[in-house]
N, C-alpha and C. Protein backbone atom coordinates (compact mmCIF):
# COMPACT_ATOMS: atom_id res chain seq x y z
N UNK A 1 101.60 72.55 130.27
CA UNK A 1 100.86 73.52 129.42
C UNK A 1 98.80 73.17 129.78
N UNK A 2 98.33 73.72 130.24
CA UNK A 2 97.13 73.66 130.25
C UNK A 2 95.56 73.70 129.09
N UNK A 3 95.19 73.15 128.29
CA UNK A 3 94.51 73.78 127.54
C UNK A 3 93.26 74.22 128.37
N UNK A 4 92.60 74.25 129.14
CA UNK A 4 91.93 74.77 129.65
C UNK A 4 91.88 75.96 130.21
N UNK A 5 93.07 77.03 130.25
CA UNK A 5 93.65 77.70 130.63
C UNK A 5 94.05 78.54 129.97
N UNK A 6 94.75 78.11 128.37
CA UNK A 6 95.24 78.88 127.83
C UNK A 6 94.62 79.62 127.25
N UNK A 7 94.38 80.78 126.98
CA UNK A 7 93.83 81.78 126.04
C UNK A 7 94.67 82.31 124.41
N UNK A 8 93.96 81.89 123.53
CA UNK A 8 94.72 82.14 122.26
C UNK A 8 93.94 83.51 121.74
N UNK A 9 94.69 84.75 121.34
CA UNK A 9 94.72 85.99 120.87
C UNK A 9 94.18 85.74 119.81
N UNK A 10 92.95 86.60 119.63
CA UNK A 10 92.37 86.94 118.00
C UNK A 10 93.79 86.75 116.60
N UNK A 11 94.75 87.34 117.26
CA UNK A 11 95.69 87.72 116.35
C UNK A 11 96.27 86.38 116.41
N UNK A 12 96.99 85.32 117.09
CA UNK A 12 97.22 84.41 116.87
C UNK A 12 96.54 83.38 116.24
N UNK A 13 95.10 83.66 116.00
CA UNK A 13 93.87 82.38 115.46
C UNK A 13 94.17 83.15 113.88
N UNK A 14 94.40 84.31 113.74
CA UNK A 14 94.15 84.51 112.59
C UNK A 14 95.54 83.89 112.06
N UNK A 15 96.89 84.08 112.46
CA UNK A 15 97.97 83.49 111.84
C UNK A 15 97.77 81.97 111.64
N UNK A 16 97.43 81.66 112.75
CA UNK A 16 97.51 80.24 112.78
C UNK A 16 96.51 79.49 111.58
N UNK A 17 95.44 80.11 111.33
CA UNK A 17 94.91 79.93 110.31
C UNK A 17 95.64 80.06 108.72
N UNK A 18 96.52 81.10 108.82
CA UNK A 18 96.42 82.14 107.72
C UNK A 18 97.78 80.39 107.16
N UNK A 19 98.62 80.12 108.18
CA UNK A 19 99.42 78.85 108.25
C UNK A 19 98.92 77.62 107.75
N UNK A 20 97.23 77.48 107.82
CA UNK A 20 96.49 76.28 107.64
C UNK A 20 96.13 76.08 106.10
N UNK A 21 96.04 77.63 105.92
CA UNK A 21 95.41 77.97 104.75
C UNK A 21 93.98 78.00 104.81
N UNK A 22 93.69 78.60 105.87
CA UNK A 22 91.89 78.49 106.54
C UNK A 22 91.55 80.10 106.75
N UNK A 23 92.27 81.21 105.91
CA UNK A 23 91.94 82.49 105.68
C UNK A 23 92.70 82.84 106.56
N UNK A 24 92.83 83.89 107.94
CA UNK A 24 93.21 85.24 108.39
C UNK A 24 94.65 85.53 107.83
N UNK A 25 95.60 85.89 108.40
CA UNK A 25 96.24 86.82 107.72
C UNK A 25 97.83 85.86 108.23
N UNK A 26 98.82 86.26 107.30
CA UNK A 26 100.18 85.43 108.08
C UNK A 26 100.84 86.77 108.87
N UNK A 27 101.61 85.64 109.75
CA UNK A 27 102.45 86.26 110.60
C UNK A 27 103.65 86.39 110.25
N UNK A 28 104.52 87.21 110.36
CA UNK A 28 105.63 87.65 110.46
C UNK A 28 106.48 86.43 109.65
N UNK A 29 107.89 87.01 109.32
CA UNK A 29 108.98 85.88 109.06
C UNK A 29 108.78 85.09 110.56
N UNK A 30 109.44 85.81 111.82
CA UNK A 30 109.58 84.50 112.84
C UNK A 30 108.59 84.13 113.11
N UNK A 31 107.00 84.53 113.23
CA UNK A 31 106.18 83.77 113.78
C UNK A 31 105.42 82.54 112.60
N UNK A 32 105.94 82.94 111.07
CA UNK A 32 105.82 82.22 110.14
C UNK A 32 106.57 80.82 110.74
N UNK A 33 107.78 80.59 111.25
CA UNK A 33 108.88 80.01 111.53
C UNK A 33 108.40 79.34 112.69
N UNK A 34 108.28 79.89 113.75
CA UNK A 34 107.81 79.11 114.93
C UNK A 34 106.42 78.39 114.68
N UNK A 35 105.48 79.21 114.28
CA UNK A 35 104.15 78.07 113.62
C UNK A 35 104.73 76.50 112.93
N UNK A 36 105.55 76.92 112.18
CA UNK A 36 105.68 75.76 111.52
C UNK A 36 106.69 74.83 112.24
N UNK A 37 107.41 75.23 113.32
CA UNK A 37 108.72 74.33 114.17
C UNK A 37 107.24 73.80 114.98
N UNK A 38 106.21 74.65 115.44
CA UNK A 38 105.53 74.14 116.35
C UNK A 38 104.60 73.03 116.04
N UNK A 39 104.09 73.22 114.51
CA UNK A 39 103.56 72.04 113.51
C UNK A 39 104.03 70.97 113.65
N UNK A 40 105.65 70.74 113.75
CA UNK A 40 106.05 69.42 113.46
C UNK A 40 107.19 68.99 114.53
N UNK A 41 107.03 69.01 115.58
CA UNK A 41 107.75 69.33 116.56
C UNK A 41 107.56 68.33 117.65
N UNK A 42 108.26 67.47 117.85
CA UNK A 42 108.10 65.87 118.68
C UNK A 42 107.24 66.52 120.00
N UNK A 43 106.99 65.24 120.60
CA UNK A 43 105.85 65.84 122.33
C UNK A 43 107.14 66.46 123.04
N UNK A 44 108.69 65.85 123.30
CA UNK A 44 108.98 66.84 124.10
C UNK A 44 109.47 68.06 123.86
N UNK A 45 110.18 68.45 122.48
CA UNK A 45 110.63 69.60 121.99
C UNK A 45 109.31 70.60 122.22
N UNK A 46 107.84 70.12 121.99
CA UNK A 46 106.22 70.54 121.71
C UNK A 46 106.55 71.39 123.46
N UNK A 47 106.50 70.79 124.30
CA UNK A 47 106.25 70.80 125.50
C UNK A 47 107.53 72.18 126.22
N UNK A 48 108.62 72.01 125.65
CA UNK A 48 109.48 72.93 125.77
C UNK A 48 109.40 74.16 124.81
N UNK A 49 108.47 74.13 123.85
CA UNK A 49 108.22 75.30 123.37
C UNK A 49 106.55 75.59 123.73
N UNK A 50 105.52 75.29 124.63
CA UNK A 50 104.70 75.40 124.98
C UNK A 50 104.81 76.78 126.61
N UNK A 51 106.06 76.16 127.18
CA UNK A 51 106.24 76.62 127.94
C UNK A 51 106.50 78.78 127.74
N UNK A 52 106.88 78.96 126.89
CA UNK A 52 107.10 80.03 126.30
C UNK A 52 106.22 80.83 125.43
N UNK A 53 105.71 79.66 124.08
CA UNK A 53 104.54 80.13 123.50
C UNK A 53 103.32 79.44 123.52
N UNK A 54 102.91 79.19 124.78
CA UNK A 54 101.93 78.47 125.28
C UNK A 54 100.24 79.09 123.98
N UNK A 55 100.24 79.72 123.54
CA UNK A 55 98.63 80.14 122.86
C UNK A 55 99.19 79.64 121.80
N UNK A 56 100.78 79.95 121.25
CA UNK A 56 100.44 79.05 120.01
C UNK A 56 100.36 77.88 119.69
N UNK A 57 101.45 77.30 120.47
CA UNK A 57 101.14 75.48 120.64
C UNK A 57 99.73 75.22 120.53
N UNK A 58 98.60 75.77 121.49
CA UNK A 58 97.58 75.58 121.91
C UNK A 58 96.60 75.92 120.20
N UNK A 59 96.81 76.52 120.30
CA UNK A 59 96.33 77.12 118.37
C UNK A 59 96.65 75.77 117.27
N UNK A 60 97.84 75.61 117.11
CA UNK A 60 98.35 74.93 116.21
C UNK A 60 97.78 73.52 116.38
N UNK A 61 98.09 73.29 117.95
CA UNK A 61 97.27 71.65 118.17
C UNK A 61 95.79 71.56 117.97
N UNK A 62 94.94 72.54 118.06
CA UNK A 62 93.91 72.98 117.64
C UNK A 62 93.75 72.81 116.01
N UNK A 63 94.50 73.30 115.03
CA UNK A 63 94.37 73.79 114.03
C UNK A 63 94.77 71.89 113.21
N UNK A 64 95.56 71.80 113.85
CA UNK A 64 95.84 69.91 113.47
C UNK A 64 94.94 69.06 114.26
N UNK A 65 94.65 68.81 115.24
CA UNK A 65 93.92 67.69 116.16
C UNK A 65 92.70 67.80 116.31
N UNK A 66 92.11 69.05 116.61
CA UNK A 66 91.13 68.68 116.93
C UNK A 66 89.74 68.94 115.51
N UNK A 67 88.51 68.41 115.98
CA UNK A 67 87.80 67.81 114.66
C UNK A 67 87.22 69.34 114.47
N UNK A 68 86.72 70.16 115.06
CA UNK A 68 86.27 71.92 115.47
C UNK A 68 87.32 72.81 115.14
N UNK A 69 88.78 72.13 115.28
CA UNK A 69 89.73 73.32 115.52
C UNK A 69 89.66 74.69 114.48
N UNK A 70 89.63 74.28 113.44
CA UNK A 70 89.57 75.52 112.20
C UNK A 70 88.22 76.58 113.10
N UNK A 71 87.33 75.69 112.81
CA UNK A 71 86.32 76.12 113.25
C UNK A 71 85.98 77.12 114.92
N UNK A 72 86.86 76.84 115.77
CA UNK A 72 87.00 77.02 116.71
C UNK A 72 87.92 78.50 116.67
N UNK A 73 88.93 78.71 115.53
CA UNK A 73 89.90 79.36 115.68
C UNK A 73 89.19 80.75 114.96
N UNK A 74 88.49 79.99 113.86
CA UNK A 74 87.67 81.05 112.90
C UNK A 74 87.21 82.05 113.74
N UNK A 75 86.47 81.40 114.97
CA UNK A 75 85.71 82.14 115.64
C UNK A 75 86.14 83.24 116.86
N UNK A 76 86.96 82.09 117.45
CA UNK A 76 88.31 83.34 118.02
C UNK A 76 88.76 84.41 117.10
N UNK A 77 89.18 84.33 115.88
CA UNK A 77 89.56 85.29 115.17
C UNK A 77 89.04 87.00 114.52
N UNK A 78 87.33 86.23 114.51
CA UNK A 78 86.74 87.00 114.21
C UNK A 78 85.59 87.57 115.86
N UNK A 79 86.18 87.15 116.74
CA UNK A 79 85.81 87.81 117.88
C UNK A 79 84.58 87.20 118.37
N UNK A 80 84.26 85.93 117.91
CA UNK A 80 82.76 85.06 118.19
C UNK A 80 83.07 84.58 119.50
N UNK A 81 83.88 84.11 119.90
CA UNK A 81 84.47 83.41 121.05
C UNK A 81 85.54 83.50 121.55
N UNK A 82 86.12 83.17 122.29
CA UNK A 82 87.43 83.43 123.43
C UNK A 82 87.86 81.91 123.47
N UNK A 83 89.07 81.71 123.51
CA UNK A 83 89.72 80.76 124.31
C UNK A 83 90.38 80.25 125.02
């Protein structure tokens, strides 16, 4: 997964924000379980998940580890930024 080329759709940003209790709106059951799985995955399994769900993995990574990740996801969710 290349962080510089992964596009995060606004809907994905909203779902991740909801899962991390920062607004947005919750995904359906599968989406919720997927985002929770990504959030708890070790590096090997995270790499595997990123092959199929690159936007979700990048958005969760931003929420968990980037100092400005929540703010960036909020901007994406509100259509004020692209990722």
